[in-house]
Amino acid sequence: MTFNKGFYCPTCGPIPKSKKRTIKKVQYDTCPGCGEIVTPWERPLNERAGRCQNCGGASFTLAIVKHHLLRCCKCCKQVYDVDAEKVIRKGEKEHESAKTL
């Protein structure tokens, strides 16, 4: 199961839950595995399931062409083959977070 919000550990990567720990009378969120101090983390919209990989939109039109289910984003017109899990046609505009990746 993937999660969209959690914490980021510098050694373990994204983790769903943290452990509260007090160091010198200051409370920190730490990684339960290695004990490093973690920061809040949220998965970008364009990496989430059910979202467009180009613009992050969640509105699609569906079509079946030659026994393949195609998903076309209403915002950027990107066409994605759901069965083969690949992009057939790139979208027209890119989202700001997609440019940084």
C-alpha atoms as a PDB file:
ATOM      1  CA  MET A   1       0.000   0.000   0.000  1.00  0.00           C
ATOM      2  CA  THR A   2       1.387   3.408  -0.926  1.00  0.00           C
ATOM      3  CA  PHE A   3       0.892   6.485   1.193  1.00  0.00           C
ATOM      4  CA  ASN A   4       0.717  10.138   0.140  1.00  0.00           C
ATOM      5  CA  LYS A   5       1.559  11.943   3.379  1.00  0.00           C
ATOM      6  CA  GLY A   6       4.120  11.054   5.976  1.00  0.00           C
ATOM      7  CA  PHE A   7       7.692  11.880   6.909  1.00  0.00           C
ATOM      8  CA  TYR A   8      11.034  11.815   5.102  1.00  0.00           C
ATOM      9  CA  CYS A   9      14.062  10.200   6.747  1.00  0.00           C
ATOM     10  CA  PRO A  10      17.451  11.120   5.223  1.00  0.00           C
ATOM     11  CA  THR A  11      18.651   7.492   5.406  1.00  0.00           C
ATOM     12  CA  CYS A  12      15.437   5.428   4.989  1.00  0.00           C
ATOM     13  CA  GLY A  13      13.485   7.699   2.602  1.00  0.00           C
ATOM     14  CA  PRO A  14       9.700   8.297   2.908  1.00  0.00           C
ATOM     15  CA  ILE A  15       8.076   6.647   5.944  1.00  0.00           C
ATOM     16  CA  PRO A  16       4.368   6.652   6.905  1.00  0.00           C
ATOM     17  CA  LYS A  17       4.731   7.248  10.668  1.00  0.00           C
ATOM     18  CA  SER A  18       7.301   8.775  12.979  1.00  0.00           C
ATOM     19  CA  LYS A  19       8.183   8.278  16.607  1.00  0.00           C
ATOM     20  CA  LYS A  20       8.238  11.197  19.087  1.00  0.00           C
ATOM     21  CA  ARG A  21      11.556  11.489  20.915  1.00  0.00           C
ATOM     22  CA  THR A  22      12.839  14.128  23.343  1.00  0.00           C
ATOM     23  CA  ILE A  23      16.448  15.266  22.953  1.00  0.00           C
ATOM     24  CA  LYS A  24      17.724  17.872  25.482  1.00  0.00           C
ATOM     25  CA  LYS A  25      14.139  18.801  26.490  1.00  0.00           C
ATOM     26  CA  VAL A  26      13.121  19.440  22.864  1.00  0.00           C
ATOM     27  CA  GLN A  27      10.645  17.063  21.212  1.00  0.00           C
ATOM     28  CA  TYR A  28      11.472  15.797  17.708  1.00  0.00           C
ATOM     29  CA  ASP A  29       9.860  13.444  15.198  1.00  0.00           C
ATOM     30  CA  THR A  30      12.303  10.628  14.543  1.00  0.00           C
ATOM     31  CA  CYS A  31      12.468   7.561  12.303  1.00  0.00           C
ATOM     32  CA  PRO A  32      11.355   4.401  14.144  1.00  0.00           C
ATOM     33  CA  GLY A  33      13.954   2.330  12.261  1.00  0.00           C
ATOM     34  CA  CYS A  34      17.193   4.309  12.511  1.00  0.00           C
ATOM     35  CA  GLY A  35      16.421   7.170  14.932  1.00  0.00           C
ATOM     36  CA  GLU A  36      17.247  10.054  12.550  1.00  0.00           C
ATOM     37  CA  ILE A  37      15.256  13.309  12.782  1.00  0.00           C
ATOM     38  CA  VAL A  38      12.597  13.406  10.038  1.00  0.00           C
ATOM     39  CA  THR A  39      10.787  16.199   8.194  1.00  0.00           C
ATOM     40  CA  PRO A  40       7.146  16.299   6.950  1.00  0.00           C
ATOM     41  CA  TRP A  41       6.722  14.898   3.429  1.00  0.00           C
ATOM     42  CA  GLU A  42       3.947  14.729   0.827  1.00  0.00           C
ATOM     43  CA  ARG A  43       3.970  12.875  -2.508  1.00  0.00           C
ATOM     44  CA  PRO A  44       3.679  15.222  -5.528  1.00  0.00           C
ATOM     45  CA  LEU A  45       0.299  15.144  -7.309  1.00  0.00           C
ATOM     46  CA  ASN A  46       1.726  13.902 -10.604  1.00  0.00           C
ATOM     47  CA  GLU A  47       3.175  10.787  -8.903  1.00  0.00           C
ATOM     48  CA  ARG A  48      -0.074   9.683  -7.244  1.00  0.00           C
ATOM     49  CA  ALA A  49      -2.304   6.887  -8.503  1.00  0.00           C
ATOM     50  CA  GLY A  50      -5.306   8.087 -10.524  1.00  0.00           C
ATOM     51  CA  ARG A  51      -3.652  11.386 -11.456  1.00  0.00           C
ATOM     52  CA  CYS A  52      -2.175  12.618 -14.735  1.00  0.00           C
ATOM     53  CA  GLN A  53       1.600  12.163 -14.785  1.00  0.00           C
ATOM     54  CA  ASN A  54       2.046  15.398 -16.712  1.00  0.00           C
ATOM     55  CA  CYS A  55      -0.197  18.006 -15.070  1.00  0.00           C
ATOM     56  CA  GLY A  56      -1.509  16.254 -11.936  1.00  0.00           C
ATOM     57  CA  GLY A  57      -5.157  16.571 -12.994  1.00  0.00           C
ATOM     58  CA  ALA A  58      -7.727  13.932 -12.077  1.00  0.00           C
ATOM     59  CA  SER A  59     -10.284  14.389 -14.868  1.00  0.00           C
ATOM     60  CA  PHE A  60     -10.125  11.965 -17.808  1.00  0.00           C
ATOM     61  CA  THR A  61     -12.055  10.740 -20.820  1.00  0.00           C
ATOM     62  CA  LEU A  62     -11.886   7.005 -21.516  1.00  0.00           C
ATOM     63  CA  ALA A  63     -11.886   5.187 -24.848  1.00  0.00           C
ATOM     64  CA  ILE A  64     -11.345   1.617 -26.005  1.00  0.00           C
ATOM     65  CA  VAL A  65      -9.251   1.348 -29.187  1.00  0.00           C
ATOM     66  CA  LYS A  66      -8.224  -2.074 -30.566  1.00  0.00           C
ATOM     67  CA  HIS A  67      -8.943  -3.792 -27.232  1.00  0.00           C
ATOM     68  CA  HIS A  68      -6.834  -1.274 -25.244  1.00  0.00           C
ATOM     69  CA  LEU A  69      -8.250   1.089 -22.629  1.00  0.00           C
ATOM     70  CA  LEU A  70      -6.956   4.620 -23.267  1.00  0.00           C
ATOM     71  CA  ARG A  71      -7.180   7.461 -20.760  1.00  0.00           C
ATOM     72  CA  CYS A  72      -7.007  11.055 -22.057  1.00  0.00           C
ATOM     73  CA  CYS A  73      -6.477  13.914 -19.587  1.00  0.00           C
ATOM     74  CA  LYS A  74      -8.999  16.738 -20.036  1.00  0.00           C
ATOM     75  CA  CYS A  75      -6.462  19.411 -18.982  1.00  0.00           C
ATOM     76  CA  CYS A  76      -3.331  18.636 -21.021  1.00  0.00           C
ATOM     77  CA  LYS A  77      -4.640  16.010 -23.520  1.00  0.00           C
ATOM     78  CA  GLN A  78      -2.020  13.390 -22.563  1.00  0.00           C
ATOM     79  CA  VAL A  79      -3.049   9.899 -23.746  1.00  0.00           C
ATOM     80  CA  TYR A  80      -2.127   6.977 -21.469  1.00  0.00           C
ATOM     81  CA  ASP A  81      -2.555   3.268 -22.250  1.00  0.00           C
ATOM     82  CA  VAL A  82      -3.869   1.738 -19.017  1.00  0.00           C
ATOM     83  CA  ASP A  83      -3.266  -1.890 -20.071  1.00  0.00           C
ATOM     84  CA  ALA A  84       0.375  -1.439 -21.130  1.00  0.00           C
ATOM     85  CA  GLU A  85       1.016   1.318 -18.525  1.00  0.00           C
ATOM     86  CA  LYS A  86       2.772   3.681 -20.936  1.00  0.00           C
ATOM     87  CA  VAL A  87       2.239   7.170 -22.349  1.00  0.00           C
ATOM     88  CA  ILE A  88       1.134   7.160 -25.990  1.00  0.00           C
ATOM     89  CA  ARG A  89       1.035  10.924 -26.578  1.00  0.00           C
ATOM     90  CA  LYS A  90       2.615  13.613 -24.410  1.00  0.00           C
ATOM     91  CA  GLY A  91       0.508  16.422 -23.018  1.00  0.00           C
ATOM     92  CA  GLU A  92       0.495  20.013 -24.234  1.00  0.00           C
ATOM     93  CA  LYS A  93       1.474  21.783 -21.029  1.00  0.00           C
ATOM     94  CA  GLU A  94       3.546  20.667 -18.058  1.00  0.00           C
ATOM     95  CA  HIS A  95       2.834  21.248 -14.404  1.00  0.00           C
ATOM     96  CA  GLU A  96       5.358  23.203 -12.259  1.00  0.00           C
ATOM     97  CA  SER A  97       6.187  20.169 -10.100  1.00  0.00           C
ATOM     98  CA  ALA A  98       6.676  17.979 -13.201  1.00  0.00           C
ATOM     99  CA  LYS A  99       9.385  20.341 -14.474  1.00  0.00           C
ATOM    100  CA  THR A 100      11.451  19.961 -11.305  1.00  0.00           C
ATOM    101  CA  LEU A 101      11.539  16.158 -11.483  1.00  0.00           C
END
